[in-house]
């Protein structure tokens, strides 16, 4: 009987390990947020929150306005939001920016194709991703540091229409998507509670076995 109990406990420990490693890199959080465990940043689940919240009529702003919007955000009592960062990247299939990482690595996007064509289930974590036409881009918070003559006038952007990183004049009106460093709404998901309960059960079971042996 004791051997059987030990076998059951071992299976439980193995199952606990499977549960802990099966979690996706994107995790839903309360209050309309999504946490990226890879980059340790939190996205707003609404990719056009500037419009949805009533801040801007269509959510499209120039670069300075977009930065001001992100910095003024207070979502569920959480402030300190910003626009995603970017890095210089030649060509497509570039995950170096935070938006590129989301497009290619997290949501299974492919070059020249809209992110909405992806079959990745994590896409359902987000709403209102703007990708209606070729020039519907999202501002990053990174100014152009490659072409020094234009760094005051140009910033990096990203298109979810085809996965293309871009540079654009800051006067253009693009969409904005806010992120926050860290896991700002770390509320345990149901599977986390299950892991906790299973872990306590395993500890209790091993304790009982020690008493019987």
C-alpha atoms as a PDB file:
ATOM      1  CA  UNK A   1       0.000   0.000   0.000  1.00  0.00           C
ATOM      2  CA  UNK A   2       2.853   2.334   0.881  1.00  0.00           C
ATOM      3  CA  UNK A   3       4.544   1.575  -2.456  1.00  0.00           C
ATOM      4  CA  UNK A   4       1.324   2.402  -4.284  1.00  0.00           C
ATOM      5  CA  UNK A   5       1.010   5.674  -2.386  1.00  0.00           C
ATOM      6  CA  UNK A   6       4.575   6.569  -3.249  1.00  0.00           C
ATOM      7  CA  UNK A   7       3.906   5.825  -6.911  1.00  0.00           C
ATOM      8  CA  UNK A   8       0.843   8.076  -6.873  1.00  0.00           C
ATOM      9  CA  UNK A   9       2.830  10.864  -5.248  1.00  0.00           C
ATOM     10  CA  UNK A  10       5.588  10.532  -7.839  1.00  0.00           C
ATOM     11  CA  UNK A  11       3.017  10.809 -10.616  1.00  0.00           C
ATOM     12  CA  UNK A  12       1.604  13.894  -8.900  1.00  0.00           C
ATOM     13  CA  UNK A  13       5.048  15.493  -8.748  1.00  0.00           C
ATOM     14  CA  UNK A  14       5.585  14.717 -12.445  1.00  0.00           C
ATOM     15  CA  UNK A  15       2.180  16.208 -13.296  1.00  0.00           C
ATOM     16  CA  UNK A  16       3.026  19.313 -11.294  1.00  0.00           C
ATOM     17  CA  UNK A  17       6.131  19.746 -13.412  1.00  0.00           C
ATOM     18  CA  UNK A  18       4.093  19.413 -16.601  1.00  0.00           C
ATOM     19  CA  UNK A  19       1.609  22.019 -15.436  1.00  0.00           C
ATOM     20  CA  UNK A  20       4.335  24.499 -14.542  1.00  0.00           C
ATOM     21  CA  UNK A  21       6.068  24.152 -17.923  1.00  0.00           C
ATOM     22  CA  UNK A  22       2.928  24.078 -20.052  1.00  0.00           C
ATOM     23  CA  UNK A  23       2.087  27.740 -19.500  1.00  0.00           C
ATOM     24  CA  UNK A  24       2.363  29.900 -22.597  1.00  0.00           C
ATOM     25  CA  UNK A  25       4.752  32.843 -22.855  1.00  0.00           C
ATOM     26  CA  UNK A  26       1.728  35.149 -22.920  1.00  0.00           C
ATOM     27  CA  UNK A  27      -0.463  35.078 -19.835  1.00  0.00           C
ATOM     28  CA  UNK A  28      -3.809  36.812 -19.407  1.00  0.00           C
ATOM     29  CA  UNK A  29      -4.015  39.185 -16.466  1.00  0.00           C
ATOM     30  CA  UNK A  30      -6.947  40.894 -14.798  1.00  0.00           C
ATOM     31  CA  UNK A  31      -7.916  44.405 -15.860  1.00  0.00           C
ATOM     32  CA  UNK A  32      -7.374  43.946 -19.592  1.00  0.00           C
ATOM     33  CA  UNK A  33      -3.655  43.143 -19.524  1.00  0.00           C
ATOM     34  CA  UNK A  34      -1.425  40.446 -21.006  1.00  0.00           C
ATOM     35  CA  UNK A  35       1.959  39.520 -19.528  1.00  0.00           C
ATOM     36  CA  UNK A  36       4.862  38.455 -21.768  1.00  0.00           C
ATOM     37  CA  UNK A  37       7.075  36.180 -19.683  1.00  0.00           C
ATOM     38  CA  UNK A  38       9.858  36.286 -22.283  1.00  0.00           C
ATOM     39  CA  UNK A  39      10.435  40.032 -22.170  1.00  0.00           C
ATOM     40  CA  UNK A  40       8.946  40.653 -18.714  1.00  0.00           C
ATOM     41  CA  UNK A  41       6.558  43.310 -19.979  1.00  0.00           C
ATOM     42  CA  UNK A  42       2.795  43.750 -19.737  1.00  0.00           C
ATOM     43  CA  UNK A  43       0.699  44.705 -22.765  1.00  0.00           C
ATOM     44  CA  UNK A  44      -2.703  46.279 -22.767  1.00  0.00           C
ATOM     45  CA  UNK A  45      -4.981  43.643 -24.276  1.00  0.00           C
ATOM     46  CA  UNK A  46      -6.819  46.373 -26.209  1.00  0.00           C
ATOM     47  CA  UNK A  47      -4.474  47.386 -29.027  1.00  0.00           C
ATOM     48  CA  UNK A  48      -6.438  50.578 -29.686  1.00  0.00           C
ATOM     49  CA  UNK A  49      -7.176  51.627 -26.138  1.00  0.00           C
ATOM     50  CA  UNK A  50      -6.651  55.298 -26.980  1.00  0.00           C
ATOM     51  CA  UNK A  51      -9.839  55.179 -29.045  1.00  0.00           C
ATOM     52  CA  UNK A  52     -11.767  52.711 -26.886  1.00  0.00           C
ATOM     53  CA  UNK A  53     -11.179  54.786 -23.757  1.00  0.00           C
ATOM     54  CA  UNK A  54     -12.343  57.960 -25.504  1.00  0.00           C
ATOM     55  CA  UNK A  55      -8.934  59.630 -25.363  1.00  0.00           C
ATOM     56  CA  UNK A  56      -8.711  60.043 -29.145  1.00  0.00           C
ATOM     57  CA  UNK A  57     -11.357  59.831 -31.851  1.00  0.00           C
ATOM     58  CA  UNK A  58      -9.648  57.096 -33.883  1.00  0.00           C
ATOM     59  CA  UNK A  59      -6.589  56.289 -31.768  1.00  0.00           C
ATOM     60  CA  UNK A  60      -4.177  57.648 -34.373  1.00  0.00           C
ATOM     61  CA  UNK A  61      -1.733  60.277 -33.109  1.00  0.00           C
ATOM     62  CA  UNK A  62       1.587  61.790 -34.006  1.00  0.00           C
ATOM     63  CA  UNK A  63       4.651  60.523 -32.146  1.00  0.00           C
ATOM     64  CA  UNK A  64       4.672  63.179 -29.430  1.00  0.00           C
ATOM     65  CA  UNK A  65       0.942  62.796 -28.809  1.00  0.00           C
ATOM     66  CA  UNK A  66       1.272  59.007 -28.622  1.00  0.00           C
ATOM     67  CA  UNK A  67       4.036  59.253 -26.028  1.00  0.00           C
ATOM     68  CA  UNK A  68       2.002  61.716 -23.982  1.00  0.00           C
ATOM     69  CA  UNK A  69      -0.993  59.381 -24.097  1.00  0.00           C
ATOM     70  CA  UNK A  70       1.001  56.375 -22.908  1.00  0.00           C
ATOM     71  CA  UNK A  71       2.697  58.291 -20.120  1.00  0.00           C
ATOM     72  CA  UNK A  72      -0.643  59.654 -18.877  1.00  0.00           C
ATOM     73  CA  UNK A  73      -2.307  56.250 -18.672  1.00  0.00           C
ATOM     74  CA  UNK A  74      -3.647  54.887 -15.412  1.00  0.00           C
ATOM     75  CA  UNK A  75      -5.149  51.447 -15.918  1.00  0.00           C
ATOM     76  CA  UNK A  76      -6.574  49.745 -12.847  1.00  0.00           C
ATOM     77  CA  UNK A  77      -4.520  52.032 -10.636  1.00  0.00           C
ATOM     78  CA  UNK A  78      -1.329  51.252 -12.564  1.00  0.00           C
ATOM     79  CA  UNK A  79       0.642  54.138 -14.066  1.00  0.00           C
ATOM     80  CA  UNK A  80       4.081  54.208 -15.685  1.00  0.00           C
ATOM     81  CA  UNK A  81       3.048  52.979 -19.140  1.00  0.00           C
ATOM     82  CA  UNK A  82       5.074  53.678 -22.273  1.00  0.00           C
ATOM     83  CA  UNK A  83       5.244  52.950 -25.979  1.00  0.00           C
ATOM     84  CA  UNK A  84       7.103  49.774 -26.984  1.00  0.00           C
ATOM     85  CA  UNK A  85      10.818  50.029 -27.676  1.00  0.00           C
ATOM     86  CA  UNK A  86      12.397  49.271 -31.053  1.00  0.00           C
ATOM     87  CA  UNK A  87      15.795  48.432 -32.468  1.00  0.00           C
ATOM     88  CA  UNK A  88      17.268  48.873 -35.905  1.00  0.00           C
ATOM     89  CA  UNK A  89      16.483  45.943 -38.162  1.00  0.00           C
ATOM     90  CA  UNK A  90      16.948  45.385 -41.862  1.00  0.00           C
ATOM     91  CA  UNK A  91      14.227  43.527 -43.705  1.00  0.00           C
ATOM     92  CA  UNK A  92      11.258  41.534 -42.498  1.00  0.00           C
ATOM     93  CA  UNK A  93      10.979  38.637 -40.039  1.00  0.00           C
ATOM     94  CA  UNK A  94      12.630  40.852 -37.466  1.00  0.00           C
ATOM     95  CA  UNK A  95      11.690  40.181 -33.821  1.00  0.00           C
ATOM     96  CA  UNK A  96      14.181  42.625 -32.327  1.00  0.00           C
ATOM     97  CA  UNK A  97      11.601  45.204 -31.271  1.00  0.00           C
ATOM     98  CA  UNK A  98       9.013  44.482 -28.581  1.00  0.00           C
ATOM     99  CA  UNK A  99       6.296  44.608 -31.234  1.00  0.00           C
ATOM    100  CA  UNK A 100       8.336  42.411 -33.563  1.00  0.00           C
ATOM    101  CA  UNK A 101       8.768  39.882 -30.771  1.00  0.00           C
ATOM    102  CA  UNK A 102       5.022  39.904 -30.164  1.00  0.00           C
ATOM    103  CA  UNK A 103       4.252  39.521 -33.874  1.00  0.00           C
ATOM    104  CA  UNK A 104       6.714  36.754 -34.752  1.00  0.00           C
ATOM    105  CA  UNK A 105       7.653  34.954 -31.543  1.00  0.00           C
ATOM    106  CA  UNK A 106       4.475  35.130 -29.494  1.00  0.00           C
ATOM    107  CA  UNK A 107       1.616  35.321 -32.004  1.00  0.00           C
ATOM    108  CA  UNK A 108       3.081  33.251 -34.829  1.00  0.00           C
ATOM    109  CA  UNK A 109       2.975  36.010 -37.425  1.00  0.00           C
ATOM    110  CA  UNK A 110       4.625  35.543 -40.813  1.00  0.00           C
ATOM    111  CA  UNK A 111       6.143  38.154 -43.096  1.00  0.00           C
ATOM    112  CA  UNK A 112       3.893  39.790 -45.696  1.00  0.00           C
ATOM    113  CA  UNK A 113       0.796  38.492 -43.867  1.00  0.00           C
ATOM    114  CA  UNK A 114      -1.553  40.189 -41.446  1.00  0.00           C
ATOM    115  CA  UNK A 115      -1.284  39.051 -37.854  1.00  0.00           C
ATOM    116  CA  UNK A 116      -4.995  38.251 -38.029  1.00  0.00           C
ATOM    117  CA  UNK A 117      -4.160  35.409 -40.415  1.00  0.00           C
ATOM    118  CA  UNK A 118      -2.237  33.650 -37.661  1.00  0.00           C
ATOM    119  CA  UNK A 119      -3.784  30.541 -36.108  1.00  0.00           C
ATOM    120  CA  UNK A 120      -1.978  31.040 -32.809  1.00  0.00           C
ATOM    121  CA  UNK A 121      -4.546  30.774 -29.971  1.00  0.00           C
ATOM    122  CA  UNK A 122      -2.814  33.572 -28.046  1.00  0.00           C
ATOM    123  CA  UNK A 123      -4.133  36.011 -30.637  1.00  0.00           C
ATOM    124  CA  UNK A 124      -7.472  35.792 -28.814  1.00  0.00           C
ATOM    125  CA  UNK A 125      -5.855  37.526 -25.824  1.00  0.00           C
ATOM    126  CA  UNK A 126      -5.871  40.815 -27.762  1.00  0.00           C
ATOM    127  CA  UNK A 127      -8.518  43.001 -29.357  1.00  0.00           C
ATOM    128  CA  UNK A 128      -8.561  45.879 -31.848  1.00  0.00           C
ATOM    129  CA  UNK A 129      -5.173  45.246 -33.459  1.00  0.00           C
ATOM    130  CA  UNK A 130      -4.932  47.887 -36.173  1.00  0.00           C
ATOM    131  CA  UNK A 131      -3.855  46.360 -39.504  1.00  0.00           C
ATOM    132  CA  UNK A 132      -6.490  47.482 -41.965  1.00  0.00           C
ATOM    133  CA  UNK A 133      -4.123  48.685 -44.648  1.00  0.00           C
ATOM    134  CA  UNK A 134      -0.458  48.855 -45.522  1.00  0.00           C
ATOM    135  CA  UNK A 135       0.356  52.139 -43.794  1.00  0.00           C
ATOM    136  CA  UNK A 136      -1.566  51.515 -40.584  1.00  0.00           C
ATOM    137  CA  UNK A 137       1.442  51.430 -38.269  1.00  0.00           C
ATOM    138  CA  UNK A 138       2.130  51.493 -34.541  1.00  0.00           C
ATOM    139  CA  UNK A 139       4.530  53.962 -33.009  1.00  0.00           C
ATOM    140  CA  UNK A 140       7.428  52.750 -30.924  1.00  0.00           C
ATOM    141  CA  UNK A 141       8.904  54.998 -28.272  1.00  0.00           C
ATOM    142  CA  UNK A 142      12.345  54.819 -29.894  1.00  0.00           C
ATOM    143  CA  UNK A 143      13.590  57.748 -31.927  1.00  0.00           C
ATOM    144  CA  UNK A 144      15.791  57.161 -34.974  1.00  0.00           C
ATOM    145  CA  UNK A 145      19.392  56.832 -33.796  1.00  0.00           C
ATOM    146  CA  UNK A 146      20.722  55.459 -37.086  1.00  0.00           C
ATOM    147  CA  UNK A 147      20.370  58.542 -39.262  1.00  0.00           C
ATOM    148  CA  UNK A 148      21.606  61.224 -36.902  1.00  0.00           C
ATOM    149  CA  UNK A 149      20.523  64.049 -39.187  1.00  0.00           C
ATOM    150  CA  UNK A 150      16.906  62.936 -38.771  1.00  0.00           C
ATOM    151  CA  UNK A 151      16.789  61.711 -35.184  1.00  0.00           C
ATOM    152  CA  UNK A 152      14.725  64.675 -34.024  1.00  0.00           C
ATOM    153  CA  UNK A 153      12.187  64.159 -36.798  1.00  0.00           C
ATOM    154  CA  UNK A 154      11.996  60.385 -37.274  1.00  0.00           C
ATOM    155  CA  UNK A 155      11.058  57.439 -35.024  1.00  0.00           C
ATOM    156  CA  UNK A 156      10.647  53.704 -35.444  1.00  0.00           C
ATOM    157  CA  UNK A 157       7.252  52.110 -36.073  1.00  0.00           C
ATOM    158  CA  UNK A 158       5.859  48.626 -36.766  1.00  0.00           C
ATOM    159  CA  UNK A 159       3.111  47.238 -38.992  1.00  0.00           C
ATOM    160  CA  UNK A 160       0.917  44.332 -37.933  1.00  0.00           C
ATOM    161  CA  UNK A 161      -0.369  44.268 -41.511  1.00  0.00           C
ATOM    162  CA  UNK A 162       2.737  42.474 -42.758  1.00  0.00           C
ATOM    163  CA  UNK A 163       5.265  42.326 -39.888  1.00  0.00           C
ATOM    164  CA  UNK A 164       7.347  45.163 -41.292  1.00  0.00           C
ATOM    165  CA  UNK A 165       9.500  47.456 -39.086  1.00  0.00           C
ATOM    166  CA  UNK A 166       9.648  50.998 -40.365  1.00  0.00           C
ATOM    167  CA  UNK A 167      10.924  54.524 -39.845  1.00  0.00           C
ATOM    168  CA  UNK A 168       8.537  57.427 -40.133  1.00  0.00           C
ATOM    169  CA  UNK A 169       8.340  61.145 -39.538  1.00  0.00           C
ATOM    170  CA  UNK A 170       7.064  61.912 -36.054  1.00  0.00           C
ATOM    171  CA  UNK A 171       4.409  64.161 -37.553  1.00  0.00           C
ATOM    172  CA  UNK A 172       2.583  61.167 -39.062  1.00  0.00           C
ATOM    173  CA  UNK A 173      -0.547  59.925 -37.337  1.00  0.00           C
ATOM    174  CA  UNK A 174      -0.143  56.279 -36.328  1.00  0.00           C
ATOM    175  CA  UNK A 175      -1.764  53.991 -33.780  1.00  0.00           C
ATOM    176  CA  UNK A 176      -0.346  53.518 -30.284  1.00  0.00           C
ATOM    177  CA  UNK A 177      -0.154  50.443 -28.064  1.00  0.00           C
ATOM    178  CA  UNK A 178       0.967  50.788 -24.451  1.00  0.00           C
ATOM    179  CA  UNK A 179       3.253  48.440 -22.515  1.00  0.00           C
ATOM    180  CA  UNK A 180       4.549  48.415 -18.959  1.00  0.00           C
ATOM    181  CA  UNK A 181       7.751  46.955 -17.566  1.00  0.00           C
ATOM    182  CA  UNK A 182       7.239  43.891 -15.388  1.00  0.00           C
ATOM    183  CA  UNK A 183       4.147  41.927 -14.409  1.00  0.00           C
ATOM    184  CA  UNK A 184       1.924  44.720 -13.118  1.00  0.00           C
ATOM    185  CA  UNK A 185      -1.205  42.640 -12.541  1.00  0.00           C
ATOM    186  CA  UNK A 186       0.223  39.415 -11.184  1.00  0.00           C
ATOM    187  CA  UNK A 187      -3.026  37.761 -10.149  1.00  0.00           C
ATOM    188  CA  UNK A 188      -2.806  33.945 -10.111  1.00  0.00           C
ATOM    189  CA  UNK A 189      -4.645  32.219 -12.927  1.00  0.00           C
ATOM    190  CA  UNK A 190      -6.793  29.101 -12.222  1.00  0.00           C
ATOM    191  CA  UNK A 191      -3.931  26.774 -13.187  1.00  0.00           C
ATOM    192  CA  UNK A 192      -1.743  28.525 -10.628  1.00  0.00           C
ATOM    193  CA  UNK A 193      -4.234  27.739  -7.883  1.00  0.00           C
ATOM    194  CA  UNK A 194      -4.316  24.137  -9.108  1.00  0.00           C
ATOM    195  CA  UNK A 195      -0.540  23.939  -8.843  1.00  0.00           C
ATOM    196  CA  UNK A 196      -0.650  25.318  -5.309  1.00  0.00           C
ATOM    197  CA  UNK A 197      -3.276  22.803  -4.207  1.00  0.00           C
ATOM    198  CA  UNK A 198      -1.429  19.909  -5.835  1.00  0.00           C
ATOM    199  CA  UNK A 199       1.831  21.019  -4.242  1.00  0.00           C
ATOM    200  CA  UNK A 200       0.264  21.113  -0.777  1.00  0.00           C
ATOM    201  CA  UNK A 201      -1.266  17.692  -1.355  1.00  0.00           C
ATOM    202  CA  UNK A 202       2.124  16.269  -2.337  1.00  0.00           C
ATOM    203  CA  UNK A 203       3.806  17.743   0.744  1.00  0.00           C
ATOM    204  CA  UNK A 204       1.051  16.380   2.971  1.00  0.00           C
ATOM    205  CA  UNK A 205       1.318  12.957   1.313  1.00  0.00           C
ATOM    206  CA  UNK A 206       5.058  12.705   1.817  1.00  0.00           C
ATOM    207  CA  UNK A 207       4.582  13.697   5.447  1.00  0.00           C
ATOM    208  CA  UNK A 208       2.051  10.902   5.937  1.00  0.00           C
ATOM    209  CA  UNK A 209       4.395   8.377   4.313  1.00  0.00           C
ATOM    210  CA  UNK A 210       7.206   9.318   6.683  1.00  0.00           C
ATOM    211  CA  UNK A 211       4.896   8.706   9.628  1.00  0.00           C
ATOM    212  CA  UNK A 212       3.931   5.253   8.297  1.00  0.00           C
ATOM    213  CA  UNK A 213       7.472   4.104   7.434  1.00  0.00           C
END
